[in-house]
N, C-alpha and C. Protein backbone atom coordinates (compact mmCIF):
# COMPACT_ATOMS: atom_id res chain seq x y z
N UNK A 1 -23.38 3.82 40.86
CA UNK A 1 -22.25 2.97 40.56
C UNK A 1 -22.41 2.29 39.19
N UNK A 2 -23.63 1.81 38.88
CA UNK A 2 -23.87 1.16 37.61
C UNK A 2 -23.68 2.14 36.45
N UNK A 3 -24.10 3.37 36.64
CA UNK A 3 -23.97 4.38 35.60
C UNK A 3 -22.50 4.66 35.29
N UNK A 4 -21.68 4.73 36.33
CA UNK A 4 -20.25 4.97 36.16
C UNK A 4 -19.59 3.79 35.44
N UNK A 5 -19.95 2.58 35.82
CA UNK A 5 -19.40 1.38 35.19
C UNK A 5 -19.80 1.32 33.72
N UNK A 6 -21.05 1.62 33.41
CA UNK A 6 -21.52 1.62 32.02
C UNK A 6 -20.77 2.67 31.20
N UNK A 7 -20.51 3.83 31.77
CA UNK A 7 -19.78 4.89 31.08
C UNK A 7 -18.35 4.42 30.76
N UNK A 8 -17.72 3.77 31.72
CA UNK A 8 -16.36 3.27 31.50
C UNK A 8 -16.34 2.20 30.41
N UNK A 9 -17.32 1.29 30.44
CA UNK A 9 -17.39 0.23 29.44
C UNK A 9 -17.62 0.81 28.05
N UNK A 10 -18.51 1.77 27.93
CA UNK A 10 -18.80 2.38 26.63
C UNK A 10 -17.57 3.12 26.11
N UNK A 11 -16.89 3.87 26.98
CA UNK A 11 -15.68 4.58 26.56
C UNK A 11 -14.59 3.62 26.11
N UNK A 12 -14.45 2.51 26.81
CA UNK A 12 -13.45 1.51 26.45
C UNK A 12 -13.76 0.91 25.08
N UNK A 13 -15.03 0.62 24.83
CA UNK A 13 -15.43 0.06 23.55
C UNK A 13 -15.21 1.06 22.41
N UNK A 14 -15.52 2.32 22.64
CA UNK A 14 -15.30 3.33 21.61
C UNK A 14 -13.82 3.49 21.29
N UNK A 15 -12.99 3.50 22.32
CA UNK A 15 -11.53 3.60 22.10
C UNK A 15 -11.01 2.40 21.32
N UNK A 16 -11.48 1.21 21.65
CA UNK A 16 -11.06 0.00 20.94
C UNK A 16 -11.48 0.07 19.48
N UNK A 17 -12.67 0.56 19.21
CA UNK A 17 -13.14 0.68 17.83
C UNK A 17 -12.32 1.69 17.05
N UNK A 18 -11.95 2.78 17.68
CA UNK A 18 -11.12 3.78 17.02
C UNK A 18 -9.75 3.22 16.66
N UNK A 19 -9.12 2.51 17.60
CA UNK A 19 -7.81 1.93 17.33
C UNK A 19 -7.87 0.87 16.24
N UNK A 20 -8.93 0.08 16.23
CA UNK A 20 -9.07 -0.96 15.20
C UNK A 20 -9.25 -0.33 13.83
N UNK A 21 -9.99 0.74 13.74
CA UNK A 21 -10.21 1.44 12.48
C UNK A 21 -8.96 2.11 11.96
N UNK A 22 -8.12 2.61 12.83
CA UNK A 22 -6.90 3.29 12.40
C UNK A 22 -5.88 2.33 11.83
N UNK A 23 -5.95 1.07 12.18
CA UNK A 23 -4.99 0.10 11.70
C UNK A 23 -5.23 -0.35 10.27
N UNK A 24 -6.36 -0.05 9.72
CA UNK A 24 -6.69 -0.48 8.37
C UNK A 24 -6.43 0.65 7.39
N UNK A 25 -5.56 0.38 6.45
CA UNK A 25 -5.28 1.38 5.42
C UNK A 25 -5.99 0.97 4.14
N UNK A 26 -6.39 1.96 3.38
CA UNK A 26 -7.10 1.70 2.14
C UNK A 26 -6.15 1.11 1.09
N UNK A 27 -6.55 0.01 0.50
CA UNK A 27 -5.75 -0.63 -0.54
C UNK A 27 -6.05 0.03 -1.89
N UNK A 28 -5.00 0.39 -2.62
CA UNK A 28 -5.15 1.05 -3.92
C UNK A 28 -4.43 0.22 -4.98
N UNK A 29 -4.68 0.55 -6.24
CA UNK A 29 -4.04 -0.15 -7.35
C UNK A 29 -3.50 0.85 -8.37
N UNK A 30 -2.40 0.48 -9.00
CA UNK A 30 -1.82 1.25 -10.10
C UNK A 30 -1.44 0.27 -11.19
N UNK A 31 -1.87 0.55 -12.41
CA UNK A 31 -1.51 -0.28 -13.55
C UNK A 31 -0.50 0.49 -14.39
N UNK A 32 0.57 -0.20 -14.77
CA UNK A 32 1.59 0.44 -15.58
C UNK A 32 2.66 -0.54 -16.00
N UNK A 33 3.73 -0.01 -16.58
CA UNK A 33 4.83 -0.82 -17.09
C UNK A 33 6.03 -0.69 -16.16
N UNK A 34 6.67 -1.81 -15.86
CA UNK A 34 7.85 -1.78 -15.00
C UNK A 34 9.03 -1.26 -15.82
N UNK A 35 9.63 -0.16 -15.34
CA UNK A 35 10.79 0.42 -16.00
C UNK A 35 12.10 -0.07 -15.39
N UNK A 36 12.08 -0.32 -14.09
CA UNK A 36 13.32 -0.66 -13.39
C UNK A 36 12.99 -1.47 -12.15
N UNK A 37 13.81 -2.48 -11.85
CA UNK A 37 13.67 -3.26 -10.63
C UNK A 37 15.03 -3.34 -9.95
N UNK A 38 15.07 -2.99 -8.67
CA UNK A 38 16.28 -3.10 -7.87
C UNK A 38 15.98 -3.91 -6.61
N UNK A 39 16.99 -4.11 -5.77
CA UNK A 39 16.82 -4.90 -4.55
C UNK A 39 15.88 -4.26 -3.54
N UNK A 40 15.68 -2.96 -3.60
CA UNK A 40 14.91 -2.24 -2.59
C UNK A 40 13.78 -1.39 -3.17
N UNK A 41 13.63 -1.37 -4.50
CA UNK A 41 12.61 -0.54 -5.13
C UNK A 41 12.35 -0.97 -6.56
N UNK A 42 11.24 -0.46 -7.10
CA UNK A 42 10.96 -0.62 -8.53
C UNK A 42 10.20 0.61 -9.01
N UNK A 43 10.23 0.85 -10.32
CA UNK A 43 9.59 2.02 -10.91
C UNK A 43 8.53 1.55 -11.90
N UNK A 44 7.33 2.11 -11.77
CA UNK A 44 6.21 1.83 -12.66
C UNK A 44 5.84 3.12 -13.38
N UNK A 45 5.66 3.04 -14.70
CA UNK A 45 5.19 4.19 -15.47
C UNK A 45 3.76 3.91 -15.89
N UNK A 46 2.86 4.83 -15.57
CA UNK A 46 1.44 4.63 -15.87
C UNK A 46 1.12 5.02 -17.32
N UNK A 47 -0.15 4.98 -17.67
CA UNK A 47 -0.59 5.27 -19.04
C UNK A 47 -0.35 6.71 -19.46
N UNK A 48 -0.14 7.61 -18.50
CA UNK A 48 0.13 9.02 -18.81
C UNK A 48 1.63 9.32 -18.84
N UNK A 49 2.46 8.27 -18.88
CA UNK A 49 3.92 8.39 -18.86
C UNK A 49 4.45 9.04 -17.59
N UNK A 50 3.75 8.83 -16.48
CA UNK A 50 4.18 9.34 -15.18
C UNK A 50 4.85 8.19 -14.42
N UNK A 51 6.13 8.37 -14.04
CA UNK A 51 6.82 7.31 -13.30
C UNK A 51 6.57 7.42 -11.80
N UNK A 52 6.40 6.28 -11.15
CA UNK A 52 6.21 6.20 -9.70
C UNK A 52 7.20 5.19 -9.13
N UNK A 53 7.94 5.59 -8.11
CA UNK A 53 8.89 4.69 -7.44
C UNK A 53 8.23 4.07 -6.22
N UNK A 54 8.38 2.77 -6.08
CA UNK A 54 7.89 2.03 -4.92
C UNK A 54 9.08 1.42 -4.20
N UNK A 55 9.28 1.80 -2.96
CA UNK A 55 10.36 1.22 -2.16
C UNK A 55 9.79 0.16 -1.22
N UNK A 56 10.65 -0.78 -0.81
CA UNK A 56 10.20 -1.84 0.09
C UNK A 56 11.39 -2.37 0.88
N UNK A 57 11.08 -2.94 2.04
CA UNK A 57 12.10 -3.61 2.84
C UNK A 57 12.12 -5.11 2.51
N UNK A 58 10.93 -5.71 2.43
CA UNK A 58 10.81 -7.11 2.02
C UNK A 58 10.18 -7.15 0.65
N UNK A 59 10.71 -8.01 -0.22
CA UNK A 59 10.22 -8.10 -1.59
C UNK A 59 8.73 -8.42 -1.57
N UNK A 60 7.91 -7.59 -2.24
CA UNK A 60 6.46 -7.83 -2.25
C UNK A 60 6.09 -9.08 -3.04
N UNK A 61 4.95 -9.63 -2.69
CA UNK A 61 4.43 -10.83 -3.35
C UNK A 61 4.31 -10.59 -4.85
N UNK A 62 4.85 -11.51 -5.65
CA UNK A 62 4.71 -11.45 -7.10
C UNK A 62 5.82 -10.72 -7.82
N UNK A 63 6.65 -9.95 -7.12
CA UNK A 63 7.69 -9.19 -7.80
C UNK A 63 8.71 -10.10 -8.48
N UNK A 64 8.94 -11.27 -7.90
CA UNK A 64 9.91 -12.20 -8.49
C UNK A 64 9.41 -12.80 -9.80
N UNK A 65 8.11 -12.67 -10.09
CA UNK A 65 7.52 -13.25 -11.30
C UNK A 65 7.40 -12.27 -12.46
N UNK A 66 7.89 -11.05 -12.29
CA UNK A 66 7.79 -10.04 -13.34
C UNK A 66 9.18 -9.51 -13.68
N UNK A 67 9.28 -8.88 -14.85
CA UNK A 67 10.56 -8.30 -15.24
C UNK A 67 10.32 -6.96 -15.92
N UNK A 68 11.41 -6.23 -16.16
CA UNK A 68 11.31 -4.92 -16.79
C UNK A 68 10.60 -5.04 -18.14
N UNK A 69 9.68 -4.11 -18.40
CA UNK A 69 8.90 -4.13 -19.63
C UNK A 69 7.53 -4.76 -19.50
N UNK A 70 7.31 -5.50 -18.41
CA UNK A 70 6.00 -6.13 -18.18
C UNK A 70 4.98 -5.09 -17.74
N UNK A 71 3.73 -5.30 -18.15
CA UNK A 71 2.63 -4.49 -17.64
C UNK A 71 2.09 -5.20 -16.41
N UNK A 72 1.96 -4.44 -15.32
CA UNK A 72 1.59 -5.02 -14.03
C UNK A 72 0.52 -4.19 -13.33
N UNK A 73 -0.09 -4.81 -12.33
CA UNK A 73 -0.97 -4.12 -11.39
C UNK A 73 -0.27 -4.17 -10.05
N UNK A 74 -0.03 -3.01 -9.47
CA UNK A 74 0.60 -2.91 -8.15
C UNK A 74 -0.50 -2.58 -7.15
N UNK A 75 -0.63 -3.42 -6.13
CA UNK A 75 -1.55 -3.15 -5.03
C UNK A 75 -0.73 -2.61 -3.87
N UNK A 76 -1.17 -1.49 -3.30
CA UNK A 76 -0.40 -0.83 -2.25
C UNK A 76 -1.31 -0.05 -1.31
N UNK A 77 -0.74 0.34 -0.20
CA UNK A 77 -1.41 1.28 0.70
C UNK A 77 -0.52 2.50 0.80
N UNK A 78 -1.09 3.62 1.19
CA UNK A 78 -0.30 4.83 1.34
C UNK A 78 -0.51 5.77 0.17
N UNK A 79 0.49 6.61 -0.08
CA UNK A 79 0.39 7.60 -1.14
C UNK A 79 1.59 7.50 -2.08
N UNK A 80 1.31 7.75 -3.35
CA UNK A 80 2.38 7.80 -4.33
C UNK A 80 2.43 9.19 -4.93
N UNK A 81 3.61 9.56 -5.39
CA UNK A 81 3.81 10.86 -6.01
C UNK A 81 4.97 10.73 -6.99
N UNK A 82 4.93 11.52 -8.05
CA UNK A 82 6.05 11.45 -8.99
C UNK A 82 7.26 12.21 -8.49
N UNK A 83 7.11 13.04 -7.45
CA UNK A 83 8.24 13.81 -6.93
C UNK A 83 8.62 13.45 -5.49
N UNK A 84 7.65 13.01 -4.69
CA UNK A 84 7.92 12.69 -3.28
C UNK A 84 8.19 11.20 -3.12
N UNK A 85 8.94 10.82 -2.07
CA UNK A 85 9.19 9.39 -1.82
C UNK A 85 7.89 8.65 -1.50
N UNK A 86 7.87 7.37 -1.81
CA UNK A 86 6.72 6.52 -1.54
C UNK A 86 6.50 6.41 -0.04
N UNK A 87 5.26 6.64 0.37
CA UNK A 87 4.87 6.52 1.77
C UNK A 87 3.80 5.45 1.85
N UNK A 88 4.18 4.23 2.20
CA UNK A 88 3.19 3.17 2.31
C UNK A 88 3.83 1.80 2.24
N UNK A 89 3.03 0.83 1.83
CA UNK A 89 3.48 -0.55 1.75
C UNK A 89 2.98 -1.18 0.46
N UNK A 90 3.87 -1.86 -0.25
CA UNK A 90 3.48 -2.59 -1.45
C UNK A 90 2.94 -3.94 -1.01
N UNK A 91 1.72 -4.24 -1.41
CA UNK A 91 1.09 -5.50 -1.02
C UNK A 91 1.42 -6.59 -2.03
N UNK A 92 1.28 -6.29 -3.34
CA UNK A 92 1.58 -7.28 -4.36
C UNK A 92 1.83 -6.64 -5.70
N UNK A 93 2.48 -7.39 -6.57
CA UNK A 93 2.74 -6.99 -7.95
C UNK A 93 2.28 -8.15 -8.82
N UNK A 94 1.37 -7.89 -9.75
CA UNK A 94 0.79 -8.96 -10.56
C UNK A 94 0.88 -8.61 -12.04
N UNK A 95 1.44 -9.50 -12.82
CA UNK A 95 1.56 -9.30 -14.26
C UNK A 95 0.18 -9.40 -14.91
N UNK A 96 -0.12 -8.46 -15.82
CA UNK A 96 -1.40 -8.51 -16.54
C UNK A 96 -1.18 -9.17 -17.89
N UNK A 97 -2.24 -9.61 -18.48
CA UNK A 97 -2.15 -10.31 -19.78
C UNK A 97 -2.24 -9.32 -20.91
């Protein structure tokens, strides 16, 4: 009986650890110039002249403090592509000096 209970407890702990790990997404950064800002998205062009569109439902932290032409650091999770839609979440937008 103790062996069965220990097996159940260990399996439960492993499952909980797996679910906790899946909830954390890797935070990434992109530095570039803001080309366009709209109510639901903004476009950043990096140093290689590659534009990336970031969409959002709620305005990300710091976006209200920047304007078109500013150089910024965008912190985000997910994946960006110059051809595919943004898949992820914008965490913050910070103007660089």
